[in-house]
Amino acid sequence: MKQVARFFGIALGAGITAFGLNFFLIPNRMNDGGLTGLAIVLHSLWHLPVGLMVLVLNLPLLAAVAYFVGAPFVARTLFGVAALSFWLSIMPVHRTTSDLLL
């Protein structure tokens, strides 16, 4: 039961993150950090899907981490990356505000 709650929390957090990206950062051409930020830059330059790019960019790193850290951590992280990619793909990109100071 504890594992189910943990994975539900990961999926919920990924959904909230995707909401913030799709409703605030991506439509206002703002950037995030890390590989998600790189995916947003690739989207801005070449109109590649952000969700797919998040997944593709993270897979090589997860393979390397699996070697050093171990399977349980990588399984949860892979689930989180897949959940974020899923939410980014199904959630529409919609500009909530054009005021960048907000």
N, C-alpha and C. Protein backbone atom coordinates (compact mmCIF):
# COMPACT_ATOMS: atom_id res chain seq x y z
N MET A 1 0.82 -1.19 0.00
CA MET A 1 0.00 0.00 0.00
C MET A 1 0.87 1.26 0.00
N LYS A 2 1.99 1.20 0.71
CA LYS A 2 2.89 2.35 0.78
C LYS A 2 3.48 2.65 -0.59
N GLN A 3 3.79 1.61 -1.37
CA GLN A 3 4.34 1.80 -2.72
C GLN A 3 3.31 2.44 -3.64
N VAL A 4 2.05 2.05 -3.52
CA VAL A 4 0.99 2.63 -4.34
C VAL A 4 0.87 4.11 -4.04
N ALA A 5 0.89 4.47 -2.78
CA ALA A 5 0.80 5.88 -2.39
C ALA A 5 2.02 6.65 -2.91
N ARG A 6 3.19 6.04 -2.86
CA ARG A 6 4.40 6.69 -3.36
C ARG A 6 4.29 6.97 -4.86
N PHE A 7 3.85 5.97 -5.63
CA PHE A 7 3.73 6.15 -7.07
C PHE A 7 2.59 7.11 -7.42
N PHE A 8 1.53 7.11 -6.64
CA PHE A 8 0.45 8.10 -6.84
C PHE A 8 0.98 9.51 -6.61
N GLY A 9 1.78 9.69 -5.59
CA GLY A 9 2.38 10.99 -5.31
C GLY A 9 3.30 11.45 -6.42
N ILE A 10 4.07 10.53 -6.97
CA ILE A 10 4.96 10.85 -8.09
C ILE A 10 4.14 11.29 -9.30
N ALA A 11 3.06 10.55 -9.60
CA ALA A 11 2.21 10.90 -10.74
C ALA A 11 1.52 12.24 -10.53
N LEU A 12 1.07 12.50 -9.31
CA LEU A 12 0.43 13.78 -9.01
C LEU A 12 1.43 14.93 -9.14
N GLY A 13 2.62 14.76 -8.62
CA GLY A 13 3.65 15.79 -8.73
C GLY A 13 4.03 16.05 -10.17
N ALA A 14 4.10 15.00 -10.97
CA ALA A 14 4.42 15.17 -12.39
C ALA A 14 3.30 15.93 -13.10
N GLY A 15 2.06 15.66 -12.72
CA GLY A 15 0.93 16.39 -13.31
C GLY A 15 0.95 17.86 -12.95
N ILE A 16 1.26 18.18 -11.72
CA ILE A 16 1.34 19.58 -11.29
C ILE A 16 2.49 20.28 -12.01
N THR A 17 3.61 19.61 -12.15
CA THR A 17 4.75 20.18 -12.88
C THR A 17 4.39 20.43 -14.34
N ALA A 18 3.73 19.46 -14.97
CA ALA A 18 3.33 19.62 -16.36
C ALA A 18 2.35 20.78 -16.52
N PHE A 19 1.45 20.96 -15.55
CA PHE A 19 0.52 22.08 -15.59
C PHE A 19 1.29 23.40 -15.58
N GLY A 20 2.25 23.52 -14.70
CA GLY A 20 3.05 24.74 -14.63
C GLY A 20 3.82 25.00 -15.92
N LEU A 21 4.37 23.95 -16.49
CA LEU A 21 5.11 24.10 -17.74
C LEU A 21 4.20 24.48 -18.90
N ASN A 22 3.08 23.77 -19.05
CA ASN A 22 2.20 23.98 -20.20
C ASN A 22 1.34 25.24 -20.11
N PHE A 23 1.12 25.74 -18.90
CA PHE A 23 0.25 26.91 -18.77
C PHE A 23 1.02 28.20 -18.49
N PHE A 24 2.28 28.11 -18.09
CA PHE A 24 3.03 29.32 -17.76
C PHE A 24 4.34 29.42 -18.53
N LEU A 25 5.21 28.44 -18.41
CA LEU A 25 6.55 28.58 -18.96
C LEU A 25 6.59 28.45 -20.48
N ILE A 26 6.05 27.39 -21.03
CA ILE A 26 6.15 27.14 -22.47
C ILE A 26 5.44 28.22 -23.29
N PRO A 27 4.19 28.59 -22.99
CA PRO A 27 3.55 29.61 -23.84
C PRO A 27 4.18 31.00 -23.72
N ASN A 28 4.83 31.31 -22.61
CA ASN A 28 5.47 32.60 -22.44
C ASN A 28 6.94 32.59 -22.83
N ARG A 29 7.38 31.48 -23.44
CA ARG A 29 8.76 31.30 -23.90
C ARG A 29 9.77 31.52 -22.78
N MET A 30 9.44 31.02 -21.61
CA MET A 30 10.36 31.04 -20.48
C MET A 30 10.98 29.66 -20.36
N ASN A 31 12.04 29.55 -19.60
CA ASN A 31 12.75 28.28 -19.53
C ASN A 31 12.78 27.73 -18.12
N ASP A 32 13.01 26.46 -18.03
CA ASP A 32 13.14 25.73 -16.79
C ASP A 32 14.59 25.23 -16.73
N GLY A 33 14.97 24.62 -15.64
CA GLY A 33 16.33 24.11 -15.53
C GLY A 33 16.43 22.67 -15.96
N GLY A 34 17.64 22.22 -16.14
CA GLY A 34 17.91 20.81 -16.42
C GLY A 34 17.50 20.36 -17.80
N LEU A 35 17.21 19.08 -17.90
CA LEU A 35 16.84 18.51 -19.20
C LEU A 35 15.45 18.95 -19.64
N THR A 36 14.59 19.28 -18.70
CA THR A 36 13.28 19.82 -19.06
C THR A 36 13.45 21.17 -19.74
N GLY A 37 14.36 21.97 -19.24
CA GLY A 37 14.67 23.25 -19.88
C GLY A 37 15.24 23.07 -21.27
N LEU A 38 16.11 22.08 -21.43
CA LEU A 38 16.66 21.78 -22.75
C LEU A 38 15.55 21.34 -23.70
N ALA A 39 14.60 20.56 -23.20
CA ALA A 39 13.47 20.13 -24.03
C ALA A 39 12.63 21.33 -24.46
N ILE A 40 12.47 22.32 -23.58
CA ILE A 40 11.72 23.52 -23.92
C ILE A 40 12.48 24.32 -24.98
N VAL A 41 13.80 24.41 -24.86
CA VAL A 41 14.60 25.10 -25.87
C VAL A 41 14.47 24.41 -27.22
N LEU A 42 14.55 23.08 -27.24
CA LEU A 42 14.39 22.34 -28.49
C LEU A 42 13.01 22.54 -29.08
N HIS A 43 12.01 22.65 -28.22
CA HIS A 43 10.65 22.94 -28.69
C HIS A 43 10.58 24.32 -29.32
N SER A 44 11.23 25.30 -28.70
CA SER A 44 11.20 26.66 -29.23
C SER A 44 11.95 26.77 -30.55
N LEU A 45 13.04 26.03 -30.68
CA LEU A 45 13.84 26.12 -31.90
C LEU A 45 13.25 25.32 -33.05
N TRP A 46 12.90 24.08 -32.79
CA TRP A 46 12.50 23.17 -33.86
C TRP A 46 11.11 22.58 -33.69
N HIS A 47 10.32 23.07 -32.77
CA HIS A 47 8.94 22.62 -32.54
C HIS A 47 8.84 21.12 -32.27
N LEU A 48 9.84 20.59 -31.58
CA LEU A 48 9.78 19.19 -31.16
C LEU A 48 8.88 19.09 -29.93
N PRO A 49 8.13 18.00 -29.78
CA PRO A 49 7.25 17.87 -28.62
C PRO A 49 8.03 17.81 -27.31
N VAL A 50 7.64 18.63 -26.35
CA VAL A 50 8.36 18.72 -25.08
C VAL A 50 8.29 17.39 -24.33
N GLY A 51 7.11 16.77 -24.28
CA GLY A 51 6.96 15.52 -23.56
C GLY A 51 7.87 14.43 -24.07
N LEU A 52 7.94 14.29 -25.37
CA LEU A 52 8.80 13.27 -25.97
C LEU A 52 10.27 13.59 -25.72
N MET A 53 10.64 14.85 -25.83
CA MET A 53 12.03 15.24 -25.62
C MET A 53 12.47 15.02 -24.17
N VAL A 54 11.58 15.26 -23.22
CA VAL A 54 11.91 14.99 -21.81
C VAL A 54 12.25 13.51 -21.63
N LEU A 55 11.45 12.66 -22.22
CA LEU A 55 11.69 11.22 -22.11
C LEU A 55 12.98 10.81 -22.80
N VAL A 56 13.19 11.27 -24.02
CA VAL A 56 14.37 10.88 -24.80
C VAL A 56 15.66 11.39 -24.15
N LEU A 57 15.64 12.61 -23.64
CA LEU A 57 16.85 13.17 -23.04
C LEU A 57 17.20 12.50 -21.71
N ASN A 58 16.21 12.02 -20.98
CA ASN A 58 16.46 11.42 -19.67
C ASN A 58 16.86 9.95 -19.74
N LEU A 59 16.50 9.24 -20.79
CA LEU A 59 16.78 7.80 -20.85
C LEU A 59 18.27 7.46 -20.77
N PRO A 60 19.16 8.14 -21.49
CA PRO A 60 20.59 7.79 -21.35
C PRO A 60 21.12 8.04 -19.93
N LEU A 61 20.66 9.11 -19.30
CA LEU A 61 21.09 9.37 -17.93
C LEU A 61 20.59 8.30 -16.97
N LEU A 62 19.36 7.87 -17.17
CA LEU A 62 18.81 6.82 -16.30
C LEU A 62 19.56 5.51 -16.48
N ALA A 63 19.98 5.23 -17.68
CA ALA A 63 20.77 4.01 -17.91
C ALA A 63 22.10 4.09 -17.17
N ALA A 64 22.73 5.24 -17.17
CA ALA A 64 23.99 5.40 -16.46
C ALA A 64 23.78 5.32 -14.95
N VAL A 65 22.71 5.92 -14.46
CA VAL A 65 22.42 5.91 -13.02
C VAL A 65 22.10 4.49 -12.55
N ALA A 66 21.45 3.71 -13.39
CA ALA A 66 21.11 2.33 -13.02
C ALA A 66 22.37 1.54 -12.69
N TYR A 67 23.43 1.83 -13.37
CA TYR A 67 24.69 1.12 -13.12
C TYR A 67 25.27 1.48 -11.75
N PHE A 68 25.15 2.73 -11.35
CA PHE A 68 25.79 3.19 -10.12
C PHE A 68 24.89 3.12 -8.89
N VAL A 69 23.61 3.38 -9.04
CA VAL A 69 22.74 3.52 -7.87
C VAL A 69 21.92 2.27 -7.59
N GLY A 70 21.30 1.72 -8.60
CA GLY A 70 20.51 0.51 -8.38
C GLY A 70 19.10 0.64 -8.92
N ALA A 71 18.44 -0.50 -9.03
CA ALA A 71 17.15 -0.59 -9.69
C ALA A 71 16.00 0.12 -8.98
N PRO A 72 15.83 0.04 -7.67
CA PRO A 72 14.65 0.67 -7.05
C PRO A 72 14.59 2.18 -7.29
N PHE A 73 15.70 2.86 -7.15
CA PHE A 73 15.73 4.30 -7.40
C PHE A 73 15.42 4.61 -8.85
N VAL A 74 16.02 3.85 -9.76
CA VAL A 74 15.82 4.08 -11.18
C VAL A 74 14.39 3.80 -11.59
N ALA A 75 13.76 2.80 -10.99
CA ALA A 75 12.37 2.48 -11.32
C ALA A 75 11.45 3.64 -10.96
N ARG A 76 11.63 4.21 -9.78
CA ARG A 76 10.80 5.35 -9.37
C ARG A 76 11.08 6.57 -10.24
N THR A 77 12.33 6.79 -10.56
CA THR A 77 12.70 7.94 -11.38
C THR A 77 12.18 7.77 -12.80
N LEU A 78 12.30 6.57 -13.34
CA LEU A 78 11.77 6.31 -14.68
C LEU A 78 10.26 6.51 -14.71
N PHE A 79 9.59 6.07 -13.65
CA PHE A 79 8.14 6.29 -13.58
C PHE A 79 7.83 7.79 -13.55
N GLY A 80 8.61 8.56 -12.80
CA GLY A 80 8.40 10.00 -12.73
C GLY A 80 8.64 10.69 -14.07
N VAL A 81 9.69 10.29 -14.76
CA VAL A 81 9.99 10.86 -16.08
C VAL A 81 8.89 10.49 -17.07
N ALA A 82 8.45 9.23 -17.04
CA ALA A 82 7.38 8.79 -17.94
C ALA A 82 6.07 9.51 -17.62
N ALA A 83 5.78 9.71 -16.34
CA ALA A 83 4.55 10.42 -15.95
C ALA A 83 4.61 11.87 -16.40
N LEU A 84 5.74 12.53 -16.22
CA LEU A 84 5.87 13.92 -16.67
C LEU A 84 5.73 14.00 -18.18
N SER A 85 6.35 13.09 -18.89
CA SER A 85 6.25 13.06 -20.35
C SER A 85 4.80 12.84 -20.79
N PHE A 86 4.12 11.94 -20.11
CA PHE A 86 2.71 11.66 -20.41
C PHE A 86 1.85 12.90 -20.19
N TRP A 87 1.99 13.53 -19.03
CA TRP A 87 1.18 14.72 -18.73
C TRP A 87 1.49 15.85 -19.70
N LEU A 88 2.76 16.05 -20.03
CA LEU A 88 3.11 17.10 -20.98
C LEU A 88 2.51 16.84 -22.36
N SER A 89 2.38 15.58 -22.72
CA SER A 89 1.85 15.23 -24.03
C SER A 89 0.34 15.39 -24.12
N ILE A 90 -0.38 15.09 -23.04
CA ILE A 90 -1.85 15.14 -23.14
C ILE A 90 -2.44 16.48 -22.70
N MET A 91 -1.71 17.26 -21.93
CA MET A 91 -2.21 18.54 -21.45
C MET A 91 -1.99 19.60 -22.52
N PRO A 92 -3.00 20.44 -22.79
CA PRO A 92 -2.82 21.47 -23.82
C PRO A 92 -1.88 22.57 -23.33
N VAL A 93 -1.21 23.21 -24.28
CA VAL A 93 -0.40 24.38 -23.97
C VAL A 93 -1.30 25.59 -24.13
N HIS A 94 -1.49 26.30 -23.04
CA HIS A 94 -2.42 27.43 -23.04
C HIS A 94 -1.81 28.57 -22.22
N ARG A 95 -1.79 29.77 -22.81
CA ARG A 95 -1.24 30.93 -22.12
C ARG A 95 -2.27 31.43 -21.10
N THR A 96 -1.93 31.35 -19.84
CA THR A 96 -2.81 31.80 -18.75
C THR A 96 -2.67 33.31 -18.58
N THR A 97 -1.46 33.80 -18.66
CA THR A 97 -1.21 35.23 -18.52
C THR A 97 -0.03 35.62 -19.40
N SER A 98 -0.02 36.87 -19.82
CA SER A 98 1.12 37.34 -20.60
C SER A 98 2.01 38.26 -19.76
N ASP A 99 1.66 38.44 -18.50
CA ASP A 99 2.45 39.27 -17.60
C ASP A 99 3.59 38.41 -17.04
N LEU A 100 4.79 38.63 -17.52
CA LEU A 100 5.92 37.79 -17.14
C LEU A 100 6.35 38.01 -15.70
N LEU A 101 5.98 39.13 -15.09
CA LEU A 101 6.36 39.36 -13.69
C LEU A 101 5.57 38.50 -12.73
N LEU A 102 4.41 38.02 -13.16
CA LEU A 102 3.64 37.15 -12.29
C LEU A 102 4.34 35.81 -12.13
